[in-house]
């Protein structure tokens, strides 16, 4: 089984910052990839950022405001979010990937980020 847990969400004003953390672990396999997604109210879940061998990748709406980083030893994934906007209000989820073709994705419960106008 794979355990995924996000933390660090909260309520901030426009222009504020938050740092999200994701802790992923498994007693039976290894974590080979992690990424951040978000789901705004009434919208489908969307990609935010991830980091791999090719470096970090970001959704277009990030516009240089977020920085993704990873601790490969633990493993943990972080998302530093600066200059937050009301439209960033969403539940932020972490996804963990394990080896094997067709293996399922594992998700955490999410952490709420609310940006006040």
PDB file of N, CA and C in Angstrom:
ATOM      1  N   UNK A   1       0.844  -1.195   0.000  1.00  0.00           N
ATOM      2  CA  UNK A   1       0.000   0.000   0.000  1.00  0.00           C
ATOM      3  C   UNK A   1       0.874   1.236   0.000  1.00  0.00           C
ATOM      4  N   UNK A   2       0.329   2.322  -0.515  1.00  0.00           N
ATOM      5  CA  UNK A   2       1.050   3.591  -0.615  1.00  0.00           C
ATOM      6  C   UNK A   2       0.323   4.630   0.214  1.00  0.00           C
ATOM      7  N   UNK A   3       1.073   5.326   1.006  1.00  0.00           N
ATOM      8  CA  UNK A   3       0.526   6.376   1.869  1.00  0.00           C
ATOM      9  C   UNK A   3       0.922   7.735   1.314  1.00  0.00           C
ATOM     10  N   UNK A   4      -0.069   8.603   1.119  1.00  0.00           N
ATOM     11  CA  UNK A   4       0.188   9.947   0.602  1.00  0.00           C
ATOM     12  C   UNK A   4      -0.573  10.940   1.475  1.00  0.00           C
ATOM     13  N   UNK A   5       0.106  11.984   1.932  1.00  0.00           N
ATOM     14  CA  UNK A   5      -0.551  12.971   2.787  1.00  0.00           C
ATOM     15  C   UNK A   5      -0.019  14.361   2.488  1.00  0.00           C
ATOM     16  N   UNK A   6      -0.931  15.288   2.255  1.00  0.00           N
ATOM     17  CA  UNK A   6      -0.570  16.672   2.009  1.00  0.00           C
ATOM     18  C   UNK A   6      -0.761  17.493   3.285  1.00  0.00           C
ATOM     19  N   UNK A   7      -0.029  18.581   3.382  1.00  0.00           N
ATOM     20  CA  UNK A   7      -0.189  19.520   4.496  1.00  0.00           C
ATOM     21  C   UNK A   7       0.267  20.899   4.046  1.00  0.00           C
ATOM     22  N   UNK A   8      -0.074  21.908   4.836  1.00  0.00           N
ATOM     23  CA  UNK A   8       0.407  23.252   4.566  1.00  0.00           C
ATOM     24  C   UNK A   8      -0.620  24.208   4.004  1.00  0.00           C
ATOM     25  N   UNK A   9      -1.829  23.737   3.728  1.00  0.00           N
ATOM     26  CA  UNK A   9      -2.847  24.641   3.218  1.00  0.00           C
ATOM     27  C   UNK A   9      -3.310  25.621   4.276  1.00  0.00           C
ATOM     28  N   UNK A  10      -4.120  26.593   3.858  1.00  0.00           N
ATOM     29  CA  UNK A  10      -4.628  27.587   4.798  1.00  0.00           C
ATOM     30  C   UNK A  10      -5.307  28.719   4.068  1.00  0.00           C
ATOM     31  N   UNK A  11      -5.549  29.801   4.809  1.00  0.00           N
ATOM     32  CA  UNK A  11      -6.196  30.996   4.265  1.00  0.00           C
ATOM     33  C   UNK A  11      -5.189  32.135   4.256  1.00  0.00           C
ATOM     34  N   UNK A  12      -5.021  32.757   3.105  1.00  0.00           N
ATOM     35  CA  UNK A  12      -4.106  33.892   2.967  1.00  0.00           C
ATOM     36  C   UNK A  12      -4.791  34.984   2.162  1.00  0.00           C
ATOM     37  N   UNK A  13      -4.263  36.179   2.247  1.00  0.00           N
ATOM     38  CA  UNK A  13      -4.747  37.282   1.423  1.00  0.00           C
ATOM     39  C   UNK A  13      -4.079  37.257   0.055  1.00  0.00           C
ATOM     40  N   UNK A  14      -4.675  37.946  -0.898  1.00  0.00           N
ATOM     41  CA  UNK A  14      -4.081  38.073  -2.228  1.00  0.00           C
ATOM     42  C   UNK A  14      -2.654  38.602  -2.104  1.00  0.00           C
ATOM     43  N   UNK A  15      -1.745  37.941  -2.828  1.00  0.00           N
ATOM     44  CA  UNK A  15      -0.333  38.304  -2.756  1.00  0.00           C
ATOM     45  C   UNK A  15       0.445  37.549  -1.704  1.00  0.00           C
ATOM     46  N   UNK A  16      -0.242  36.777  -0.895  1.00  0.00           N
ATOM     47  CA  UNK A  16       0.415  36.021   0.164  1.00  0.00           C
ATOM     48  C   UNK A  16       1.088  34.764  -0.343  1.00  0.00           C
ATOM     49  N   UNK A  17       1.684  34.008   0.599  1.00  0.00           N
ATOM     50  CA  UNK A  17       2.439  32.809   0.261  1.00  0.00           C
ATOM     51  C   UNK A  17       2.028  31.640   1.153  1.00  0.00           C
ATOM     52  N   UNK A  18       2.175  30.455   0.594  1.00  0.00           N
ATOM     53  CA  UNK A  18       1.995  29.220   1.339  1.00  0.00           C
ATOM     54  C   UNK A  18       3.001  28.204   0.828  1.00  0.00           C
ATOM     55  N   UNK A  19       3.371  27.273   1.700  1.00  0.00           N
ATOM     56  CA  UNK A  19       4.263  26.189   1.301  1.00  0.00           C
ATOM     57  C   UNK A  19       3.552  24.871   1.613  1.00  0.00           C
ATOM     58  N   UNK A  20       3.273  24.110   0.556  1.00  0.00           N
ATOM     59  CA  UNK A  20       2.631  22.812   0.709  1.00  0.00           C
ATOM     60  C   UNK A  20       3.679  21.715   0.768  1.00  0.00           C
ATOM     61  N   UNK A  21       3.370  20.691   1.540  1.00  0.00           N
ATOM     62  CA  UNK A  21       4.245  19.535   1.641  1.00  0.00           C
ATOM     63  C   UNK A  21       3.450  18.269   1.341  1.00  0.00           C
ATOM     64  N   UNK A  22       4.110  17.302   0.744  1.00  0.00           N
ATOM     65  CA  UNK A  22       3.510  16.005   0.478  1.00  0.00           C
ATOM     66  C   UNK A  22       4.469  14.924   0.956  1.00  0.00           C
ATOM     67  N   UNK A  23       3.939  14.041   1.770  1.00  0.00           N
ATOM     68  CA  UNK A  23       4.717  12.928   2.296  1.00  0.00           C
ATOM     69  C   UNK A  23       4.175  11.647   1.683  1.00  0.00           C
ATOM     70  N   UNK A  24       5.010  10.900   0.978  1.00  0.00           N
ATOM     71  CA  UNK A  24       4.596   9.643   0.362  1.00  0.00           C
ATOM     72  C   UNK A  24       5.505   8.520   0.824  1.00  0.00           C
ATOM     73  N   UNK A  25       4.926   7.385   1.131  1.00  0.00           N
ATOM     74  CA  UNK A  25       5.735   6.259   1.569  1.00  0.00           C
ATOM     75  C   UNK A  25       5.015   4.961   1.259  1.00  0.00           C
ATOM     76  N   UNK A  26       5.789   3.883   1.199  1.00  0.00           N
ATOM     77  CA  UNK A  26       5.229   2.561   0.979  1.00  0.00           C
ATOM     78  C   UNK A  26       6.129   1.517   1.595  1.00  0.00           C
ATOM     79  N   UNK A  27       5.526   0.509   2.179  1.00  0.00           N
ATOM     80  CA  UNK A  27       6.299  -0.582   2.762  1.00  0.00           C
ATOM     81  C   UNK A  27       6.563  -1.689   1.751  1.00  0.00           C
ATOM     82  N   UNK A  28       5.941  -1.612   0.563  1.00  0.00           N
ATOM     83  CA  UNK A  28       6.047  -2.718  -0.384  1.00  0.00           C
ATOM     84  C   UNK A  28       6.625  -2.338  -1.729  1.00  0.00           C
ATOM     85  N   UNK A  29       6.759  -1.038  -2.004  1.00  0.00           N
ATOM     86  CA  UNK A  29       7.273  -0.624  -3.302  1.00  0.00           C
ATOM     87  C   UNK A  29       7.972   0.712  -3.135  1.00  0.00           C
ATOM     88  N   UNK A  30       8.475   1.240  -4.229  1.00  0.00           N
ATOM     89  CA  UNK A  30       9.137   2.539  -4.157  1.00  0.00           C
ATOM     90  C   UNK A  30       8.332   3.570  -4.935  1.00  0.00           C
ATOM     91  N   UNK A  31       8.483   4.805  -4.536  1.00  0.00           N
ATOM     92  CA  UNK A  31       7.810   5.918  -5.188  1.00  0.00           C
ATOM     93  C   UNK A  31       8.715   6.437  -6.295  1.00  0.00           C
ATOM     94  N   UNK A  32       8.240   6.432  -7.536  1.00  0.00           N
ATOM     95  CA  UNK A  32       9.092   6.841  -8.651  1.00  0.00           C
ATOM     96  C   UNK A  32       8.705   8.209  -9.208  1.00  0.00           C
ATOM     97  N   UNK A  33       7.611   8.751  -8.786  1.00  0.00           N
ATOM     98  CA  UNK A  33       7.207  10.058  -9.287  1.00  0.00           C
ATOM     99  C   UNK A  33       6.180  10.687  -8.371  1.00  0.00           C
ATOM    100  N   UNK A  34       6.190  12.000  -8.304  1.00  0.00           N
ATOM    101  CA  UNK A  34       5.215  12.739  -7.482  1.00  0.00           C
ATOM    102  C   UNK A  34       4.857  14.028  -8.194  1.00  0.00           C
ATOM    103  N   UNK A  35       3.639  14.469  -7.997  1.00  0.00           N
ATOM    104  CA  UNK A  35       3.213  15.713  -8.630  1.00  0.00           C
ATOM    105  C   UNK A  35       2.098  16.386  -7.862  1.00  0.00           C
ATOM    106  N   UNK A  36       1.909  17.667  -8.154  1.00  0.00           N
ATOM    107  CA  UNK A  36       0.834  18.456  -7.542  1.00  0.00           C
ATOM    108  C   UNK A  36      -0.285  18.704  -8.544  1.00  0.00           C
ATOM    109  N   UNK A  37      -1.508  18.576  -8.061  1.00  0.00           N
ATOM    110  CA  UNK A  37      -2.701  18.866  -8.835  1.00  0.00           C
ATOM    111  C   UNK A  37      -3.626  19.697  -7.947  1.00  0.00           C
ATOM    112  N   UNK A  38      -4.634  20.303  -8.564  1.00  0.00           N
ATOM    113  CA  UNK A  38      -5.601  21.036  -7.763  1.00  0.00           C
ATOM    114  C   UNK A  38      -6.982  20.902  -8.379  1.00  0.00           C
ATOM    115  N   UNK A  39      -7.983  21.116  -7.544  1.00  0.00           N
ATOM    116  CA  UNK A  39      -9.359  21.078  -8.019  1.00  0.00           C
ATOM    117  C   UNK A  39     -10.107  22.269  -7.455  1.00  0.00           C
ATOM    118  N   UNK A  40     -10.448  23.194  -8.306  1.00  0.00           N
ATOM    119  CA  UNK A  40     -11.254  24.337  -7.922  1.00  0.00           C
ATOM    120  C   UNK A  40     -12.720  23.938  -7.901  1.00  0.00           C
ATOM    121  N   UNK A  41     -13.534  24.670  -7.147  1.00  0.00           N
ATOM    122  CA  UNK A  41     -14.934  24.347  -6.961  1.00  0.00           C
ATOM    123  C   UNK A  41     -15.651  24.295  -8.312  1.00  0.00           C
ATOM    124  N   UNK A  42     -16.267  23.161  -8.592  1.00  0.00           N
ATOM    125  CA  UNK A  42     -17.020  23.014  -9.826  1.00  0.00           C
ATOM    126  C   UNK A  42     -16.177  22.755 -11.070  1.00  0.00           C
ATOM    127  N   UNK A  43     -14.865  22.594 -10.887  1.00  0.00           N
ATOM    128  CA  UNK A  43     -13.957  22.371 -12.012  1.00  0.00           C
ATOM    129  C   UNK A  43     -13.312  20.987 -11.915  1.00  0.00           C
ATOM    130  N   UNK A  44     -12.831  20.451 -13.025  1.00  0.00           N
ATOM    131  CA  UNK A  44     -12.105  19.173 -12.941  1.00  0.00           C
ATOM    132  C   UNK A  44     -10.723  19.364 -12.317  1.00  0.00           C
ATOM    133  N   UNK A  45     -10.174  18.279 -11.838  1.00  0.00           N
ATOM    134  CA  UNK A  45      -8.819  18.335 -11.272  1.00  0.00           C
ATOM    135  C   UNK A  45      -7.826  18.655 -12.387  1.00  0.00           C
ATOM    136  N   UNK A  46      -6.842  19.515 -12.078  1.00  0.00           N
ATOM    137  CA  UNK A  46      -5.880  19.937 -13.095  1.00  0.00           C
ATOM    138  C   UNK A  46      -4.452  19.864 -12.570  1.00  0.00           C
ATOM    139  N   UNK A  47      -3.536  19.664 -13.476  1.00  0.00           N
ATOM    140  CA  UNK A  47      -2.108  19.603 -13.160  1.00  0.00           C
ATOM    141  C   UNK A  47      -1.599  20.969 -12.720  1.00  0.00           C
ATOM    142  N   UNK A  48      -0.721  20.966 -11.699  1.00  0.00           N
ATOM    143  CA  UNK A  48      -0.095  22.197 -11.238  1.00  0.00           C
ATOM    144  C   UNK A  48       1.409  22.162 -11.508  1.00  0.00           C
ATOM    145  N   UNK A  49       2.088  21.129 -10.986  1.00  0.00           N
ATOM    146  CA  UNK A  49       3.544  21.069 -11.130  1.00  0.00           C
ATOM    147  C   UNK A  49       4.048  19.693 -10.751  1.00  0.00           C
ATOM    148  N   UNK A  50       5.183  19.314 -11.336  1.00  0.00           N
ATOM    149  CA  UNK A  50       5.907  18.141 -10.881  1.00  0.00           C
ATOM    150  C   UNK A  50       7.382  18.335 -11.180  1.00  0.00           C
ATOM    151  N   UNK A  51       8.184  17.388 -10.740  1.00  0.00           N
ATOM    152  CA  UNK A  51       9.632  17.485 -10.978  1.00  0.00           C
ATOM    153  C   UNK A  51      10.179  16.095 -11.198  1.00  0.00           C
ATOM    154  N   UNK A  52      10.957  15.951 -12.248  1.00  0.00           N
ATOM    155  CA  UNK A  52      11.542  14.660 -12.565  1.00  0.00           C
ATOM    156  C   UNK A  52      12.941  14.831 -13.128  1.00  0.00           C
ATOM    157  N   UNK A  53      13.393  13.811 -13.859  1.00  0.00           N
ATOM    158  CA  UNK A  53      14.758  13.838 -14.395  1.00  0.00           C
ATOM    159  C   UNK A  53      14.975  15.014 -15.340  1.00  0.00           C
ATOM    160  N   UNK A  54      13.918  15.443 -15.993  1.00  0.00           N
ATOM    161  CA  UNK A  54      14.029  16.552 -16.927  1.00  0.00           C
ATOM    162  C   UNK A  54      13.882  17.913 -16.278  1.00  0.00           C
ATOM    163  N   UNK A  55      13.709  17.932 -14.962  1.00  0.00           N
ATOM    164  CA  UNK A  55      13.548  19.188 -14.255  1.00  0.00           C
ATOM    165  C   UNK A  55      12.093  19.465 -13.922  1.00  0.00           C
ATOM    166  N   UNK A  56      11.796  20.619 -13.360  1.00  0.00           N
ATOM    167  CA  UNK A  56      10.422  20.944 -12.974  1.00  0.00           C
ATOM    168  C   UNK A  56       9.552  21.288 -14.178  1.00  0.00           C
ATOM    169  N   UNK A  57       8.287  20.980 -14.050  1.00  0.00           N
ATOM    170  CA  UNK A  57       7.298  21.359 -15.049  1.00  0.00           C
ATOM    171  C   UNK A  57       6.150  22.052 -14.329  1.00  0.00           C
ATOM    172  N   UNK A  58       5.580  23.055 -14.988  1.00  0.00           N
ATOM    173  CA  UNK A  58       4.500  23.832 -14.381  1.00  0.00           C
ATOM    174  C   UNK A  58       3.364  24.038 -15.372  1.00  0.00           C
ATOM    175  N   UNK A  59       2.172  24.165 -14.836  1.00  0.00           N
ATOM    176  CA  UNK A  59       1.038  24.560 -15.649  1.00  0.00           C
ATOM    177  C   UNK A  59       1.218  26.021 -16.066  1.00  0.00           C
ATOM    178  N   UNK A  60       0.598  26.382 -17.170  1.00  0.00           N
ATOM    179  CA  UNK A  60       0.738  27.752 -17.681  1.00  0.00           C
ATOM    180  C   UNK A  60       0.267  28.793 -16.673  1.00  0.00           C
ATOM    181  N   UNK A  61      -0.752  28.474 -15.898  1.00  0.00           N
ATOM    182  CA  UNK A  61      -1.321  29.478 -14.997  1.00  0.00           C
ATOM    183  C   UNK A  61      -0.384  29.792 -13.828  1.00  0.00           C
ATOM    184  N   UNK A  62       0.655  28.999 -13.637  1.00  0.00           N
ATOM    185  CA  UNK A  62       1.592  29.271 -12.541  1.00  0.00           C
ATOM    186  C   UNK A  62       2.343  30.579 -12.785  1.00  0.00           C
ATOM    187  N   UNK A  63       2.756  30.814 -14.012  1.00  0.00           N
ATOM    188  CA  UNK A  63       3.360  32.102 -14.410  1.00  0.00           C
ATOM    189  C   UNK A  63       4.522  32.509 -13.500  1.00  0.00           C
ATOM    190  N   UNK A  64       5.357  31.548 -13.099  1.00  0.00           N
ATOM    191  CA  UNK A  64       6.544  31.865 -12.322  1.00  0.00           C
ATOM    192  C   UNK A  64       6.291  32.108 -10.845  1.00  0.00           C
ATOM    193  N   UNK A  65       5.075  31.889 -10.364  1.00  0.00           N
ATOM    194  CA  UNK A  65       4.750  32.193  -8.968  1.00  0.00           C
ATOM    195  C   UNK A  65       5.007  31.012  -8.018  1.00  0.00           C
ATOM    196  N   UNK A  66       5.054  29.807  -8.538  1.00  0.00           N
ATOM    197  CA  UNK A  66       5.216  28.609  -7.705  1.00  0.00           C
ATOM    198  C   UNK A  66       6.573  27.966  -7.985  1.00  0.00           C
ATOM    199  N   UNK A  67       7.111  27.310  -6.967  1.00  0.00           N
ATOM    200  CA  UNK A  67       8.352  26.559  -7.119  1.00  0.00           C
ATOM    201  C   UNK A  67       8.160  25.172  -6.525  1.00  0.00           C
ATOM    202  N   UNK A  68       8.383  24.135  -7.336  1.00  0.00           N
ATOM    203  CA  UNK A  68       8.255  22.751  -6.882  1.00  0.00           C
ATOM    204  C   UNK A  68       9.645  22.205  -6.568  1.00  0.00           C
ATOM    205  N   UNK A  69       9.732  21.440  -5.492  1.00  0.00           N
ATOM    206  CA  UNK A  69      11.004  20.822  -5.122  1.00  0.00           C
ATOM    207  C   UNK A  69      10.715  19.464  -4.495  1.00  0.00           C
ATOM    208  N   UNK A  70      11.758  18.635  -4.416  1.00  0.00           N
ATOM    209  CA  UNK A  70      11.546  17.267  -3.931  1.00  0.00           C
ATOM    210  C   UNK A  70      12.731  16.822  -3.098  1.00  0.00           C
ATOM    211  N   UNK A  71      12.414  16.099  -2.046  1.00  0.00           N
ATOM    212  CA  UNK A  71      13.412  15.396  -1.257  1.00  0.00           C
ATOM    213  C   UNK A  71      13.305  13.928  -1.646  1.00  0.00           C
ATOM    214  N   UNK A  72      14.266  13.408  -2.414  1.00  0.00           N
ATOM    215  CA  UNK A  72      14.177  12.051  -2.940  1.00  0.00           C
ATOM    216  C   UNK A  72      14.438  10.997  -1.878  1.00  0.00           C
ATOM    217  N   UNK A  73      15.059  11.366  -0.782  1.00  0.00           N
ATOM    218  CA  UNK A  73      15.390  10.385   0.252  1.00  0.00           C
ATOM    219  C   UNK A  73      14.170   9.940   1.021  1.00  0.00           C
ATOM    220  N   UNK A  74      13.230  10.822   1.275  1.00  0.00           N
ATOM    221  CA  UNK A  74      12.147  10.509   2.201  1.00  0.00           C
ATOM    222  C   UNK A  74      10.996   9.682   1.648  1.00  0.00           C
ATOM    223  N   UNK A  75      10.389   9.809   0.495  1.00  0.00           N
ATOM    224  CA  UNK A  75      10.426  11.000  -0.360  1.00  0.00           C
ATOM    225  C   UNK A  75       9.336  12.009  -0.007  1.00  0.00           C
ATOM    226  N   UNK A  76       9.611  13.257  -0.275  1.00  0.00           N
ATOM    227  CA  UNK A  76       8.652  14.326  -0.040  1.00  0.00           C
ATOM    228  C   UNK A  76       8.677  15.297  -1.210  1.00  0.00           C
ATOM    229  N   UNK A  77       7.540  15.912  -1.439  1.00  0.00           N
ATOM    230  CA  UNK A  77       7.383  16.901  -2.499  1.00  0.00           C
ATOM    231  C   UNK A  77       6.871  18.185  -1.880  1.00  0.00           C
ATOM    232  N   UNK A  78       7.379  19.310  -2.356  1.00  0.00           N
ATOM    233  CA  UNK A  78       7.009  20.603  -1.805  1.00  0.00           C
ATOM    234  C   UNK A  78       6.526  21.526  -2.921  1.00  0.00           C
ATOM    235  N   UNK A  79       5.682  22.462  -2.549  1.00  0.00           N
ATOM    236  CA  UNK A  79       5.237  23.473  -3.493  1.00  0.00           C
ATOM    237  C   UNK A  79       5.218  24.811  -2.775  1.00  0.00           C
ATOM    238  N   UNK A  80       6.172  25.661  -3.114  1.00  0.00           N
ATOM    239  CA  UNK A  80       6.197  27.017  -2.584  1.00  0.00           C
ATOM    240  C   UNK A  80       5.348  27.893  -3.494  1.00  0.00           C
ATOM    241  N   UNK A  81       4.307  28.469  -2.938  1.00  0.00           N
ATOM    242  CA  UNK A  81       3.386  29.282  -3.724  1.00  0.00           C
ATOM    243  C   UNK A  81       3.466  30.728  -3.246  1.00  0.00           C
ATOM    244  N   UNK A  82       3.880  31.601  -4.130  1.00  0.00           N
ATOM    245  CA  UNK A  82       4.000  33.031  -3.836  1.00  0.00           C
ATOM    246  C   UNK A  82       3.050  33.827  -4.717  1.00  0.00           C
ATOM    247  N   UNK A  83       2.798  35.068  -4.301  1.00  0.00           N
ATOM    248  CA  UNK A  83       1.918  35.957  -5.070  1.00  0.00           C
ATOM    249  C   UNK A  83       0.599  35.261  -5.415  1.00  0.00           C
ATOM    250  N   UNK A  84      -0.020  34.682  -4.406  1.00  0.00           N
ATOM    251  CA  UNK A  84      -1.248  33.930  -4.630  1.00  0.00           C
ATOM    252  C   UNK A  84      -2.397  34.841  -5.037  1.00  0.00           C
ATOM    253  N   UNK A  85      -3.269  34.289  -5.870  1.00  0.00           N
ATOM    254  CA  UNK A  85      -4.428  35.016  -6.385  1.00  0.00           C
ATOM    255  C   UNK A  85      -5.708  34.306  -5.937  1.00  0.00           C
ATOM    256  N   UNK A  86      -6.827  35.012  -5.889  1.00  0.00           N
ATOM    257  CA  UNK A  86      -8.090  34.352  -5.504  1.00  0.00           C
ATOM    258  C   UNK A  86      -8.397  33.139  -6.370  1.00  0.00           C
ATOM    259  N   UNK A  87      -8.016  33.175  -7.644  1.00  0.00           N
ATOM    260  CA  UNK A  87      -8.289  32.046  -8.529  1.00  0.00           C
ATOM    261  C   UNK A  87      -7.417  30.828  -8.222  1.00  0.00           C
ATOM    262  N   UNK A  88      -6.462  30.959  -7.317  1.00  0.00           N
ATOM    263  CA  UNK A  88      -5.685  29.805  -6.854  1.00  0.00           C
ATOM    264  C   UNK A  88      -6.418  29.031  -5.756  1.00  0.00           C
ATOM    265  N   UNK A  89      -7.537  29.561  -5.295  1.00  0.00           N
ATOM    266  CA  UNK A  89      -8.324  28.869  -4.285  1.00  0.00           C
ATOM    267  C   UNK A  89      -8.771  27.509  -4.806  1.00  0.00           C
ATOM    268  N   UNK A  90      -8.405  26.460  -4.082  1.00  0.00           N
ATOM    269  CA  UNK A  90      -8.675  25.094  -4.535  1.00  0.00           C
ATOM    270  C   UNK A  90      -8.236  24.114  -3.460  1.00  0.00           C
ATOM    271  N   UNK A  91      -8.611  22.861  -3.665  1.00  0.00           N
ATOM    272  CA  UNK A  91      -8.018  21.776  -2.889  1.00  0.00           C
ATOM    273  C   UNK A  91      -6.819  21.276  -3.687  1.00  0.00           C
ATOM    274  N   UNK A  92      -5.673  21.251  -3.047  1.00  0.00           N
ATOM    275  CA  UNK A  92      -4.442  20.823  -3.701  1.00  0.00           C
ATOM    276  C   UNK A  92      -4.140  19.377  -3.306  1.00  0.00           C
ATOM    277  N   UNK A  93      -3.889  18.559  -4.332  1.00  0.00           N
ATOM    278  CA  UNK A  93      -3.646  17.143  -4.135  1.00  0.00           C
ATOM    279  C   UNK A  93      -2.242  16.768  -4.584  1.00  0.00           C
ATOM    280  N   UNK A  94      -1.712  15.764  -3.927  1.00  0.00           N
ATOM    281  CA  UNK A  94      -0.434  15.187  -4.318  1.00  0.00           C
ATOM    282  C   UNK A  94      -0.684  13.805  -4.913  1.00  0.00           C
ATOM    283  N   UNK A  95      -0.012  13.512  -6.003  1.00  0.00           N
ATOM    284  CA  UNK A  95      -0.119  12.205  -6.641  1.00  0.00           C
ATOM    285  C   UNK A  95       1.229  11.504  -6.581  1.00  0.00           C
ATOM    286  N   UNK A  96       1.195  10.220  -6.244  1.00  0.00           N
ATOM    287  CA  UNK A  96       2.411   9.412  -6.199  1.00  0.00           C
ATOM    288  C   UNK A  96       2.310   8.280  -7.215  1.00  0.00           C
ATOM    289  N   UNK A  97       3.420   8.009  -7.883  1.00  0.00           N
ATOM    290  CA  UNK A  97       3.485   6.963  -8.892  1.00  0.00           C
ATOM    291  C   UNK A  97       4.419   5.852  -8.423  1.00  0.00           C
ATOM    292  N   UNK A  98       4.051   4.612  -8.754  1.00  0.00           N
ATOM    293  CA  UNK A  98       4.888   3.464  -8.418  1.00  0.00           C
ATOM    294  C   UNK A  98       5.273   2.742  -9.706  1.00  0.00           C
ATOM    295  N   UNK A  99       6.290   1.880  -9.675  1.00  0.00           N
ATOM    296  CA  UNK A  99       6.705   1.188 -10.906  1.00  0.00           C
ATOM    297  C   UNK A  99       5.653   0.214 -11.404  1.00  0.00           C
ATOM    298  N   UNK A 100       5.774  -0.129 -12.688  1.00  0.00           N
ATOM    299  CA  UNK A 100       4.909  -1.143 -13.265  1.00  0.00           C
ATOM    300  C   UNK A 100       3.905  -0.560 -14.233  1.00  0.00           C
ATOM    301  N   UNK A 101       3.860  -1.147 -15.442  1.00  0.00           N
ATOM    302  CA  UNK A 101       2.896  -0.688 -16.447  1.00  0.00           C
ATOM    303  C   UNK A 101       1.479  -0.929 -15.935  1.00  0.00           C
ATOM    304  N   UNK A 102       0.634   0.106 -16.001  1.00  0.00           N
ATOM    305  CA  UNK A 102      -0.744  -0.043 -15.565  1.00  0.00           C
ATOM    306  C   UNK A 102      -0.953   0.103 -14.075  1.00  0.00           C
ATOM    307  N   UNK A 103       0.102   0.406 -13.329  1.00  0.00           N
ATOM    308  CA  UNK A 103      -0.058   0.590 -11.879  1.00  0.00           C
ATOM    309  C   UNK A 103      -0.944   1.794 -11.600  1.00  0.00           C
ATOM    310  N   UNK A 104      -1.731   1.739 -10.559  1.00  0.00           N
ATOM    311  CA  UNK A 104      -2.616   2.861 -10.252  1.00  0.00           C
ATOM    312  C   UNK A 104      -1.838   4.056  -9.724  1.00  0.00           C
ATOM    313  N   UNK A 105      -2.442   5.224  -9.838  1.00  0.00           N
ATOM    314  CA  UNK A 105      -1.920   6.417  -9.192  1.00  0.00           C
ATOM    315  C   UNK A 105      -2.453   6.447  -7.767  1.00  0.00           C
ATOM    316  N   UNK A 106      -1.690   7.017  -6.855  1.00  0.00           N
ATOM    317  CA  UNK A 106      -2.114   7.135  -5.470  1.00  0.00           C
ATOM    318  C   UNK A 106      -2.228   8.609  -5.098  1.00  0.00           C
ATOM    319  N   UNK A 107      -3.336   8.954  -4.482  1.00  0.00           N
ATOM    320  CA  UNK A 107      -3.623  10.340  -4.154  1.00  0.00           C
ATOM    321  C   UNK A 107      -3.779  10.517  -2.643  1.00  0.00           C
ATOM    322  N   UNK A 108      -3.431  11.708  -2.179  1.00  0.00           N
ATOM    323  CA  UNK A 108      -3.724  12.067  -0.805  1.00  0.00           C
ATOM    324  C   UNK A 108      -5.135  12.617  -0.689  1.00  0.00           C
ATOM    325  N   UNK A 109      -5.490  13.034   0.528  1.00  0.00           N
ATOM    326  CA  UNK A 109      -6.824  13.561   0.791  1.00  0.00           C
ATOM    327  C   UNK A 109      -6.954  15.023   0.363  1.00  0.00           C
ATOM    328  N   UNK A 110      -5.846  15.673   0.111  1.00  0.00           N
ATOM    329  CA  UNK A 110      -5.883  17.064  -0.320  1.00  0.00           C
ATOM    330  C   UNK A 110      -5.761  18.039   0.840  1.00  0.00           C
ATOM    331  N   UNK A 111      -5.323  19.247   0.506  1.00  0.00           N
ATOM    332  CA  UNK A 111      -5.232  20.319   1.493  1.00  0.00           C
ATOM    333  C   UNK A 111      -5.855  21.579   0.887  1.00  0.00           C
ATOM    334  N   UNK A 112      -6.709  22.229   1.642  1.00  0.00           N
ATOM    335  CA  UNK A 112      -7.455  23.384   1.140  1.00  0.00           C
ATOM    336  C   UNK A 112      -6.588  24.639   1.160  1.00  0.00           C
ATOM    337  N   UNK A 113      -6.559  25.334   0.038  1.00  0.00           N
ATOM    338  CA  UNK A 113      -5.909  26.647  -0.063  1.00  0.00           C
ATOM    339  C   UNK A 113      -6.981  27.666  -0.409  1.00  0.00           C
ATOM    340  N   UNK A 114      -7.106  28.692   0.418  1.00  0.00           N
ATOM    341  CA  UNK A 114      -8.092  29.732   0.185  1.00  0.00           C
ATOM    342  C   UNK A 114      -7.383  31.080   0.148  1.00  0.00           C
ATOM    343  N   UNK A 115      -7.580  31.806  -0.955  1.00  0.00           N
ATOM    344  CA  UNK A 115      -6.956  33.118  -1.116  1.00  0.00           C
ATOM    345  C   UNK A 115      -8.061  34.166  -1.110  1.00  0.00           C
ATOM    346  N   UNK A 116      -8.029  35.033  -0.131  1.00  0.00           N
ATOM    347  CA  UNK A 116      -9.049  36.066   0.005  1.00  0.00           C
ATOM    348  C   UNK A 116      -8.726  37.266  -0.881  1.00  0.00           C
ATOM    349  N   UNK A 117      -9.765  37.854  -1.502  1.00  0.00           N
ATOM    350  CA  UNK A 117      -9.525  39.019  -2.376  1.00  0.00           C
ATOM    351  C   UNK A 117      -8.948  40.201  -1.606  1.00  0.00           C
TER     352      UNK A 117
END
